[in-house]
Amino acid sequence: MTDLELGIKGEKQAEEFLKKQGYKIITKNFRTPFGQIDIIASEKNTLCFVEVKTRRNFSFGLPQEAVSSIKQKKILKVALAYLKENGLLNRRVRFDVVSILCDKNSYKINLIRGAFECNE
């Protein structure tokens, strides 16, 4: 399985997991010229921007460790674009990370609610 295929499978697993947790999926792979967000969903009255990271093993660290400060800034820019485009600037938002470890056909999924914040 290629890295791209692994990422696609991970995003599907994350989507199903989030639905079971009560999230309502709004859109997937929202793209702008400066980046993309894997999943945008709502949980109760909070809009959640979700980054999904899938790994085969811990060779490169925990999956969530790949959401660096640089990646966070990109996600924040894309989220702001989404909020502006949809007239949602006053909406409560949260930035979550779904960390997935894929071992053959089993998945260990960890949801980190409020993984990072917008400090600007």
C-alpha atoms as a PDB file:
ATOM      1  CA  MET A   1       0.000   0.000   0.000  1.00  0.00           C
ATOM      2  CA  THR A   2       1.380   3.405  -0.977  1.00  0.00           C
ATOM      3  CA  ASP A   3       1.495   6.360   1.412  1.00  0.00           C
ATOM      4  CA  LEU A   4      -1.332   7.993  -0.550  1.00  0.00           C
ATOM      5  CA  GLU A   5      -3.508   4.869  -0.250  1.00  0.00           C
ATOM      6  CA  LEU A   6      -2.718   4.686   3.466  1.00  0.00           C
ATOM      7  CA  GLY A   7      -3.745   8.331   3.890  1.00  0.00           C
ATOM      8  CA  ILE A   8      -7.025   7.795   2.029  1.00  0.00           C
ATOM      9  CA  LYS A   9      -7.833   4.717   4.132  1.00  0.00           C
ATOM     10  CA  GLY A  10      -6.956   6.636   7.274  1.00  0.00           C
ATOM     11  CA  GLU A  11      -9.287   9.486   6.362  1.00  0.00           C
ATOM     12  CA  LYS A  12     -12.144   7.036   5.749  1.00  0.00           C
ATOM     13  CA  GLN A  13     -11.483   5.385   9.125  1.00  0.00           C
ATOM     14  CA  ALA A  14     -11.383   8.809  10.785  1.00  0.00           C
ATOM     15  CA  GLU A  15     -14.667   9.833   9.169  1.00  0.00           C
ATOM     16  CA  GLU A  16     -16.451   6.708  10.420  1.00  0.00           C
ATOM     17  CA  PHE A  17     -14.914   7.103  13.875  1.00  0.00           C
ATOM     18  CA  LEU A  18     -15.981  10.750  14.112  1.00  0.00           C
ATOM     19  CA  LYS A  19     -19.541   9.884  13.089  1.00  0.00           C
ATOM     20  CA  LYS A  20     -19.689   7.305  15.906  1.00  0.00           C
ATOM     21  CA  GLN A  21     -18.464  10.025  18.292  1.00  0.00           C
ATOM     22  CA  GLY A  22     -21.416  12.239  17.305  1.00  0.00           C
ATOM     23  CA  TYR A  23     -19.715  14.494  14.766  1.00  0.00           C
ATOM     24  CA  LYS A  24     -21.651  15.534  11.661  1.00  0.00           C
ATOM     25  CA  ILE A  25     -19.369  15.641   8.627  1.00  0.00           C
ATOM     26  CA  ILE A  26     -19.799  18.855   6.645  1.00  0.00           C
ATOM     27  CA  THR A  27     -17.066  18.492   4.043  1.00  0.00           C
ATOM     28  CA  LYS A  28     -13.842  16.622   3.358  1.00  0.00           C
ATOM     29  CA  ASN A  29     -10.582  17.807   1.830  1.00  0.00           C
ATOM     30  CA  PHE A  30     -11.469  21.505   1.738  1.00  0.00           C
ATOM     31  CA  ARG A  31      -8.751  23.113  -0.399  1.00  0.00           C
ATOM     32  CA  THR A  32      -7.414  26.616  -0.832  1.00  0.00           C
ATOM     33  CA  PRO A  33      -4.275  27.819  -2.642  1.00  0.00           C
ATOM     34  CA  PHE A  34      -2.367  27.707   0.671  1.00  0.00           C
ATOM     35  CA  GLY A  35      -3.439  24.317   1.996  1.00  0.00           C
ATOM     36  CA  GLN A  36      -6.253  21.957   2.848  1.00  0.00           C
ATOM     37  CA  ILE A  37      -8.166  20.600   5.814  1.00  0.00           C
ATOM     38  CA  ASP A  38      -8.960  16.894   5.873  1.00  0.00           C
ATOM     39  CA  ILE A  39     -12.377  17.043   7.555  1.00  0.00           C
ATOM     40  CA  ILE A  40     -14.697  19.849   8.598  1.00  0.00           C
ATOM     41  CA  ALA A  41     -17.434  18.688  10.935  1.00  0.00           C
ATOM     42  CA  SER A  42     -19.740  19.917  13.644  1.00  0.00           C
ATOM     43  CA  GLU A  43     -20.067  18.558  17.144  1.00  0.00           C
ATOM     44  CA  LYS A  44     -23.000  20.054  19.028  1.00  0.00           C
ATOM     45  CA  ASN A  45     -22.624  23.792  18.307  1.00  0.00           C
ATOM     46  CA  THR A  46     -18.885  23.750  17.593  1.00  0.00           C
ATOM     47  CA  LEU A  47     -17.345  23.735  14.115  1.00  0.00           C
ATOM     48  CA  CYS A  48     -14.395  21.328  14.102  1.00  0.00           C
ATOM     49  CA  PHE A  49     -11.470  21.459  11.719  1.00  0.00           C
ATOM     50  CA  VAL A  50      -9.916  17.997  11.816  1.00  0.00           C
ATOM     51  CA  GLU A  51      -6.440  16.988  10.663  1.00  0.00           C
ATOM     52  CA  VAL A  52      -5.973  13.252  10.120  1.00  0.00           C
ATOM     53  CA  LYS A  53      -2.539  11.675  10.456  1.00  0.00           C
ATOM     54  CA  THR A  54      -2.035   7.991   9.659  1.00  0.00           C
ATOM     55  CA  ARG A  55       1.146   5.980  10.189  1.00  0.00           C
ATOM     56  CA  ARG A  56       2.195   2.350   9.797  1.00  0.00           C
ATOM     57  CA  ASN A  57       4.561   2.467  12.775  1.00  0.00           C
ATOM     58  CA  PHE A  58       6.335   4.839  15.120  1.00  0.00           C
ATOM     59  CA  SER A  59       9.515   5.195  12.999  1.00  0.00           C
ATOM     60  CA  PHE A  60       8.744   8.871  12.480  1.00  0.00           C
ATOM     61  CA  GLY A  61       7.139   9.399  15.900  1.00  0.00           C
ATOM     62  CA  LEU A  62       3.490   9.471  16.867  1.00  0.00           C
ATOM     63  CA  PRO A  63       1.128  10.409  14.038  1.00  0.00           C
ATOM     64  CA  GLN A  64      -0.076  13.553  15.832  1.00  0.00           C
ATOM     65  CA  GLU A  65       3.501  14.803  16.133  1.00  0.00           C
ATOM     66  CA  ALA A  66       3.396  15.478  12.390  1.00  0.00           C
ATOM     67  CA  VAL A  67       1.008  18.379  13.066  1.00  0.00           C
ATOM     68  CA  SER A  68       3.858  20.818  13.583  1.00  0.00           C
ATOM     69  CA  SER A  69       3.508  24.520  14.308  1.00  0.00           C
ATOM     70  CA  ILE A  70       4.001  25.181  10.581  1.00  0.00           C
ATOM     71  CA  LYS A  71       1.197  22.737   9.724  1.00  0.00           C
ATOM     72  CA  GLN A  72      -1.002  24.324  12.395  1.00  0.00           C
ATOM     73  CA  LYS A  73      -0.524  27.778  10.848  1.00  0.00           C
ATOM     74  CA  LYS A  74      -1.558  26.411   7.433  1.00  0.00           C
ATOM     75  CA  ILE A  75      -4.654  24.801   8.945  1.00  0.00           C
ATOM     76  CA  LEU A  76      -5.540  28.085  10.670  1.00  0.00           C
ATOM     77  CA  LYS A  77      -5.273  30.000   7.365  1.00  0.00           C
ATOM     78  CA  VAL A  78      -7.457  27.459   5.568  1.00  0.00           C
ATOM     79  CA  ALA A  79      -9.979  27.473   8.426  1.00  0.00           C
ATOM     80  CA  LEU A  80     -10.194  31.271   8.297  1.00  0.00           C
ATOM     81  CA  ALA A  81     -10.790  31.115   4.542  1.00  0.00           C
ATOM     82  CA  TYR A  82     -13.579  28.568   5.093  1.00  0.00           C
ATOM     83  CA  LEU A  83     -15.173  30.695   7.825  1.00  0.00           C
ATOM     84  CA  LYS A  84     -15.053  33.847   5.663  1.00  0.00           C
ATOM     85  CA  GLU A  85     -16.332  32.050   2.560  1.00  0.00           C
ATOM     86  CA  ASN A  86     -19.303  30.661   4.488  1.00  0.00           C
ATOM     87  CA  GLY A  87     -20.120  33.695   6.651  1.00  0.00           C
ATOM     88  CA  LEU A  88     -19.235  31.836   9.848  1.00  0.00           C
ATOM     89  CA  LEU A  89     -16.704  34.170  11.474  1.00  0.00           C
ATOM     90  CA  ASN A  90     -18.740  34.313  14.699  1.00  0.00           C
ATOM     91  CA  ARG A  91     -19.020  30.523  14.997  1.00  0.00           C
ATOM     92  CA  ARG A  92     -17.311  28.652  17.835  1.00  0.00           C
ATOM     93  CA  VAL A  93     -14.463  26.576  16.371  1.00  0.00           C
ATOM     94  CA  ARG A  94     -12.069  23.900  17.529  1.00  0.00           C
ATOM     95  CA  PHE A  95      -9.025  22.240  15.984  1.00  0.00           C
ATOM     96  CA  ASP A  96      -8.886  18.473  16.440  1.00  0.00           C
ATOM     97  CA  VAL A  97      -6.418  15.823  15.348  1.00  0.00           C
ATOM     98  CA  VAL A  98      -7.242  12.201  14.602  1.00  0.00           C
ATOM     99  CA  SER A  99      -4.148  10.042  15.020  1.00  0.00           C
ATOM    100  CA  ILE A 100      -4.284   6.603  13.384  1.00  0.00           C
ATOM    101  CA  LEU A 101      -1.835   3.749  13.642  1.00  0.00           C
ATOM    102  CA  CYS A 102      -2.493   1.181  10.914  1.00  0.00           C
ATOM    103  CA  ASP A 103      -1.177  -2.326  11.500  1.00  0.00           C
ATOM    104  CA  LYS A 104      -2.150  -4.527   8.542  1.00  0.00           C
ATOM    105  CA  ASN A 105      -5.978  -4.377   8.675  1.00  0.00           C
ATOM    106  CA  SER A 106      -6.440  -3.052  12.193  1.00  0.00           C
ATOM    107  CA  TYR A 107      -6.544   0.604  13.153  1.00  0.00           C
ATOM    108  CA  LYS A 108      -5.795   2.235  16.492  1.00  0.00           C
ATOM    109  CA  ILE A 109      -7.557   5.585  16.467  1.00  0.00           C
ATOM    110  CA  ASN A 110      -6.984   8.424  18.904  1.00  0.00           C
ATOM    111  CA  LEU A 111      -9.031  11.629  18.842  1.00  0.00           C
ATOM    112  CA  ILE A 112      -7.392  14.724  20.292  1.00  0.00           C
ATOM    113  CA  ARG A 113     -10.089  17.363  20.792  1.00  0.00           C
ATOM    114  CA  GLY A 114      -8.698  20.888  20.930  1.00  0.00           C
ATOM    115  CA  ALA A 115      -5.259  19.703  19.818  1.00  0.00           C
ATOM    116  CA  PHE A 116      -4.187  23.297  19.219  1.00  0.00           C
ATOM    117  CA  GLU A 117      -5.651  26.802  19.338  1.00  0.00           C
ATOM    118  CA  CYS A 118      -5.563  29.972  17.343  1.00  0.00           C
ATOM    119  CA  ASN A 119      -3.448  32.354  19.404  1.00  0.00           C
ATOM    120  CA  GLU A 120      -3.693  35.266  16.983  1.00  0.00           C
END
